[in-house]
Protein backbone atom coordinates (compact mmCIF):
# COMPACT_ATOMS: atom_id res chain seq x y z
CA MET A 1 -0.49 -130.41 -12.74
CA SER A 2 2.44 -128.19 -13.61
CA THR A 3 4.78 -126.19 -11.46
CA GLN A 4 6.40 -122.94 -12.26
CA ALA A 5 10.20 -123.14 -12.75
CA LYS A 6 12.25 -121.30 -10.12
CA THR A 7 14.16 -118.35 -11.23
CA LEU A 8 17.93 -118.13 -10.94
CA GLU A 9 17.57 -115.58 -8.17
CA GLN A 10 15.38 -117.98 -6.17
CA LEU A 11 17.85 -120.82 -6.60
CA ILE A 12 20.75 -118.60 -5.51
CA THR A 13 18.78 -117.47 -2.47
CA GLU A 14 17.98 -121.05 -1.46
CA LEU A 15 21.63 -122.02 -1.98
CA HIS A 16 22.76 -119.19 0.24
CA SER A 17 20.26 -120.29 2.88
CA THR A 18 21.38 -123.92 2.73
CA ASN A 19 25.03 -122.91 2.80
CA GLY A 20 24.36 -120.76 5.84
CA GLU A 21 22.73 -123.71 7.61
CA LEU A 22 25.73 -125.89 6.75
CA ILE A 23 28.13 -123.27 8.08
CA THR A 24 26.12 -122.97 11.29
CA ALA A 25 26.01 -126.75 11.72
CA ASN A 26 29.73 -126.99 11.01
CA ASN A 27 30.45 -124.25 13.54
CA GLU A 28 28.34 -126.02 16.15
CA LEU A 29 30.10 -129.31 15.44
CA THR A 30 33.48 -127.65 15.64
CA SER A 31 32.54 -125.99 18.91
CA THR A 32 31.34 -129.33 20.30
CA VAL A 33 34.53 -131.08 19.22
CA VAL A 34 36.66 -128.29 20.67
CA ASN A 35 34.74 -128.45 23.96
CA LYS A 36 35.04 -132.24 24.08
CA MET A 37 38.76 -132.02 23.35
CA GLY A 38 39.11 -129.46 26.10
CA ALA A 39 37.25 -131.73 28.50
CA ILE A 40 39.46 -134.67 27.49
CA ASP A 41 42.59 -132.55 27.93
CA THR A 42 41.35 -131.47 31.37
CA ALA A 43 40.53 -135.04 32.33
CA LEU A 44 43.94 -136.23 31.15
CA ALA A 45 45.65 -133.44 33.05
CA ASN A 46 43.69 -134.28 36.20
CA ALA A 47 44.45 -137.98 35.74
CA GLN A 48 48.12 -137.24 35.27
CA THR A 49 48.08 -135.11 38.40
CA GLU A 50 46.45 -137.95 40.32
CA VAL A 51 48.99 -140.41 38.93
CA ASN A 52 51.84 -138.10 39.86
CA THR A 53 50.39 -137.66 43.33
CA ALA A 54 49.94 -141.43 43.73
CA VAL A 55 53.51 -142.06 42.54
CA THR A 56 54.85 -139.42 44.92
CA THR A 57 52.82 -140.89 47.79
CA ALA A 58 53.98 -144.42 46.93
CA ASP A 59 57.58 -143.28 46.74
CA SER A 60 57.20 -141.58 50.10
CA ARG A 61 55.63 -144.67 51.68
CA ILE A 62 58.29 -146.94 50.20
CA SER A 63 61.02 -144.65 51.46
CA GLN A 64 59.40 -144.57 54.90
CA ALA A 65 58.99 -148.35 54.88
CA ILE A 66 62.67 -148.76 54.02
CA LEU A 67 63.59 -146.32 56.76
CA ASP A 68 61.34 -148.09 59.27
CA LEU A 69 62.82 -151.46 58.25
CA ALA A 70 66.33 -150.12 58.66
CA LYS A 71 65.48 -148.64 62.07
CA SER A 72 63.78 -151.84 63.22
CA HIS A 73 66.86 -153.89 62.39
CA ALA A 74 69.31 -151.28 63.65
CA ASP A 75 67.66 -151.15 67.09
CA MET A 76 69.13 -154.18 68.85
CA ARG A 77 69.58 -155.36 72.42
CA ILE A 78 72.43 -157.83 72.57
CA ASN A 79 73.36 -160.43 75.16
CA TYR A 80 77.03 -161.36 74.90
CA TYR A 81 78.28 -164.82 75.72
CA ASP A 82 81.77 -166.30 75.87
CA ARG A 83 81.72 -168.84 73.03
CA LYS A 84 82.66 -171.48 75.57
CA VAL A 85 81.66 -175.02 74.63
CA HIS A 86 79.03 -176.49 76.96
CA THR A 87 78.08 -180.16 76.94
CA LYS A 88 75.46 -182.28 78.61
CA ASP A 89 78.12 -183.49 81.01
CA THR A 90 79.38 -180.01 81.97
CA LEU A 91 75.83 -178.70 82.40
CA VAL A 92 75.06 -181.56 84.76
CA GLN A 93 78.21 -180.84 86.73
CA ASP A 94 78.06 -177.02 86.74
CA ASN A 95 74.34 -176.34 86.97
CA ALA A 96 72.88 -179.43 88.58
CA LEU A 97 71.05 -180.22 85.34
CA VAL A 98 68.44 -182.88 86.03
CA ALA A 99 65.50 -184.42 84.26
CA ASP A 100 62.22 -182.53 84.43
CA PRO A 101 60.09 -184.33 87.06
CA ASN A 102 57.07 -183.99 84.77
CA ASP A 103 58.83 -185.34 81.66
CA GLU A 104 62.10 -187.21 82.03
CA SER A 105 62.84 -186.91 78.28
CA LYS A 106 63.53 -183.20 78.92
CA SER A 107 65.82 -181.45 81.37
CA ILE A 108 64.90 -178.54 83.56
CA TRP A 109 65.74 -175.06 82.26
CA VAL A 110 69.13 -173.70 83.41
CA ARG A 111 70.91 -170.45 82.67
CA VAL A 112 73.65 -170.74 80.09
CA PRO A 113 76.95 -170.28 81.98
CA ASN A 114 78.74 -167.05 81.13
CA GLY A 115 82.28 -167.99 82.09
CA GLY A 116 82.36 -165.54 84.98
CA ASP A 117 82.23 -162.41 82.77
CA TRP A 118 79.06 -160.45 83.59
CA SER A 119 79.59 -157.88 80.82
CA GLY A 120 76.48 -157.79 78.65
CA PHE A 121 75.10 -160.86 80.36
CA HIS A 122 72.05 -159.17 81.87
CA THR A 123 69.97 -157.06 79.47
CA TYR A 124 66.45 -155.71 79.10
CA PRO A 125 65.14 -157.42 75.96
CA ALA A 126 61.62 -156.72 74.70
CA ALA A 127 59.24 -159.61 75.23
CA ASN A 128 57.48 -161.21 72.27
CA ARG A 129 59.83 -159.57 69.80
CA MET A 130 62.07 -161.15 67.19
CA THR A 131 65.10 -162.67 68.89
CA LYS A 132 67.99 -164.39 67.13
CA LEU A 133 70.41 -166.88 68.66
CA HIS A 134 73.85 -166.87 67.06
CA THR A 135 75.69 -170.12 67.72
CA VAL A 136 79.35 -170.92 67.15
CA ALA A 137 78.59 -174.63 67.35
CA GLY A 138 75.70 -176.95 68.04
CA TYR A 139 76.33 -180.71 68.01
CA SER A 140 73.74 -183.44 68.28
CA TYR A 141 74.07 -187.09 67.44
CA SER A 142 72.56 -190.50 68.11
CA PRO A 143 74.83 -192.74 70.23
CA GLY A 144 72.65 -195.71 69.33
CA TYR A 145 73.99 -195.50 65.80
CA SER A 146 77.25 -197.05 67.03
CA GLU A 147 75.68 -199.86 69.04
CA SER A 148 76.73 -203.37 68.07
CA PRO A 149 75.57 -205.80 66.94
CA VAL A 150 72.14 -204.10 66.73
CA GLN A 151 71.84 -200.33 66.29
CA TYR A 152 69.52 -198.47 68.68
CA ALA A 153 68.87 -201.60 70.72
CA ARG A 154 69.60 -199.82 74.02
CA ASP A 155 69.70 -196.11 73.20
CA TRP A 156 67.29 -194.87 70.53
CA SER A 157 67.26 -191.24 71.66
CA ARG A 158 68.94 -188.16 70.26
CA THR A 159 69.56 -185.06 72.37
CA TYR A 160 68.90 -181.53 71.11
CA MET A 161 69.07 -178.14 72.80
CA GLN A 162 66.27 -175.61 73.24
CA PHE A 163 66.84 -171.96 74.18
CA ILE A 164 64.78 -169.09 75.56
CA LEU A 165 65.57 -165.52 76.64
CA THR A 166 63.75 -164.66 79.85
CA ASN A 167 64.08 -163.29 83.39
CA SER A 168 67.37 -164.24 85.02
CA GLU A 169 65.56 -165.07 88.28
CA ALA A 170 63.00 -167.35 86.63
CA THR A 171 62.74 -170.96 87.75
CA SER A 172 62.28 -173.82 85.33
CA GLU A 173 58.69 -174.22 86.52
CA GLN A 174 57.93 -170.53 85.91
CA ILE A 175 59.41 -170.71 82.42
CA ASN A 176 57.32 -173.77 81.56
CA GLU A 177 54.17 -172.13 82.95
CA ASN A 178 54.84 -168.98 80.90
CA ILE A 179 55.43 -171.02 77.75
CA ALA A 180 52.13 -172.86 78.27
CA SER A 181 50.08 -169.76 79.16
CA GLN A 182 51.39 -167.75 76.20
CA GLY A 183 51.21 -170.59 73.70
CA VAL A 184 54.85 -170.15 72.74
CA ASP A 185 56.26 -172.49 70.10
CA ILE A 186 59.47 -173.48 71.85
CA ASN A 187 60.36 -175.94 69.07
CA ILE A 188 61.49 -173.07 66.86
CA SER A 189 64.65 -172.97 68.98
CA LEU A 190 65.45 -176.70 68.65
CA THR A 191 69.19 -176.67 67.99
CA GLY A 192 71.80 -179.23 67.01
CA GLY A 193 73.15 -181.25 64.10
CA TRP A 194 75.80 -183.84 63.34
CA TRP A 195 77.74 -181.25 61.31
CA ASN A 196 78.27 -179.09 64.44
CA GLY A 197 78.23 -175.84 62.47
CA SER A 198 77.43 -172.22 63.25
CA SER A 199 73.84 -171.08 62.78
CA VAL A 200 71.38 -168.29 63.45
CA ARG A 201 67.91 -169.24 64.60
CA ASP A 202 64.80 -167.77 66.19
CA ILE A 203 64.19 -168.21 69.91
CA PRO A 204 61.37 -166.88 72.12
CA SER A 205 61.84 -163.83 74.32
CA MET A 206 59.47 -163.73 77.31
CA GLN A 207 58.96 -161.94 80.61
CA VAL A 208 57.65 -163.61 83.76
CA SER A 209 55.32 -161.27 85.62
CA GLY A 210 56.57 -160.10 89.01
CA LEU A 211 60.27 -160.81 88.41
CA HIS A 212 63.09 -158.35 87.82
CA THR A 213 63.35 -157.64 84.10
CA TYR A 214 67.05 -158.52 83.94
CA SER A 215 67.13 -161.35 81.40
CA SER A 216 69.50 -164.17 80.52
CA LEU A 217 69.70 -167.02 78.05
CA PHE A 218 68.33 -170.33 79.32
CA VAL A 219 68.82 -173.79 77.84
CA ARG A 220 67.21 -177.17 78.31
CA LEU A 221 68.04 -180.50 76.69
CA VAL A 222 65.40 -182.53 74.90
CA ASN A 223 65.48 -186.16 73.75
CA VAL A 224 63.62 -187.31 70.65
CA VAL A 225 63.45 -190.72 69.00
CA SER A 226 66.39 -190.79 66.61
CA ASP A 227 65.51 -190.49 62.93
CA GLY A 228 67.91 -193.39 62.36
CA VAL A 229 65.46 -195.79 64.01
CA THR A 230 63.84 -197.56 61.05
CA GLU A 231 61.08 -199.23 63.09
CA PRO A 232 60.25 -196.89 65.98
CA GLY A 233 57.09 -198.80 66.90
CA ASP A 234 56.03 -197.60 70.34
CA LYS A 235 59.49 -196.27 71.26
CA GLN A 236 59.37 -193.07 73.28
CA PRO A 237 62.15 -190.54 74.00
CA GLN A 238 64.23 -191.78 76.92
CA ASN A 239 65.59 -190.18 80.09
CA ILE A 240 67.53 -187.06 79.12
CA ILE A 241 70.44 -187.66 81.50
CA GLN A 242 71.02 -191.34 80.77
CA PHE A 243 70.37 -191.49 77.02
CA GLY A 244 70.84 -189.51 73.82
CA GLY A 245 74.53 -188.70 73.99
CA SER A 246 76.43 -185.67 75.24
CA CYS A 247 75.38 -182.88 72.87
CA ASN A 248 77.33 -179.63 72.94
CA PHE A 249 76.91 -175.99 71.97
CA ALA A 250 78.72 -172.65 72.05
CA ILE A 251 76.94 -169.28 71.95
CA ASP A 252 78.25 -166.15 70.27
CA ARG A 253 75.41 -163.76 71.09
CA VAL A 254 71.66 -163.30 71.39
CA VAL A 255 70.13 -160.37 69.51
CA ASN A 256 66.73 -158.99 70.48
CA TYR A 257 64.94 -156.63 68.04
CA PRO A 258 62.49 -154.59 70.18
CA ARG A 259 60.73 -153.03 67.15
CA ILE A 260 59.91 -156.28 65.38
CA PRO A 261 56.93 -158.18 66.87
CA VAL A 262 56.44 -161.89 66.41
């Protein structure tokens, strides 16, 4: 079966038609690409705006955090002390320091003497807030180390100091009850070392309900089994007054930060 050959005019017409379809398709593709590029540009612009906003917000929060940190550390309530050296012996003489009737390895709590100068002695610290004790000195040693001919044969205790900032009118029993009821870790304020150097350490700040909020620094002495005892066995800390040596300390100041909870 034969077919009739197309004329030149027919071929030209078909070519024009095909070319028109190609142009239309190309225009549609171009329009699609342009639209997609526009959408991408819009998305990128929106994303950049969001990034800029997030960066600005972060910068603002960081600046505020820095400001809040600065304010929290700048707001201080300070108890001043006289830097006078206090020892186990002077505390016994001046404040009737005695062993705690419930645990003779610890003393009762007594107010740190202020040398007669009441300036800055009573303050209104915030309870349960970060409180720093600044010491000039804090000496603790084991007298049993020097025993002869056998070390620690008689005295195997070492005396440390513990401090707390609380109501000036509080009794030792009230302080102990408050420590127990609030679950306070009093060991964070364990102070003393053979090097007798200055230090800064955390101490608790508490308020006893029903007492005037005037507050002072209290101290108690605590005996532990000396770390020099190589075979402690069943040795227990001994009576705080009779054993452990005459530790000593001197206080520069106590700084309470009312905006920093602990």
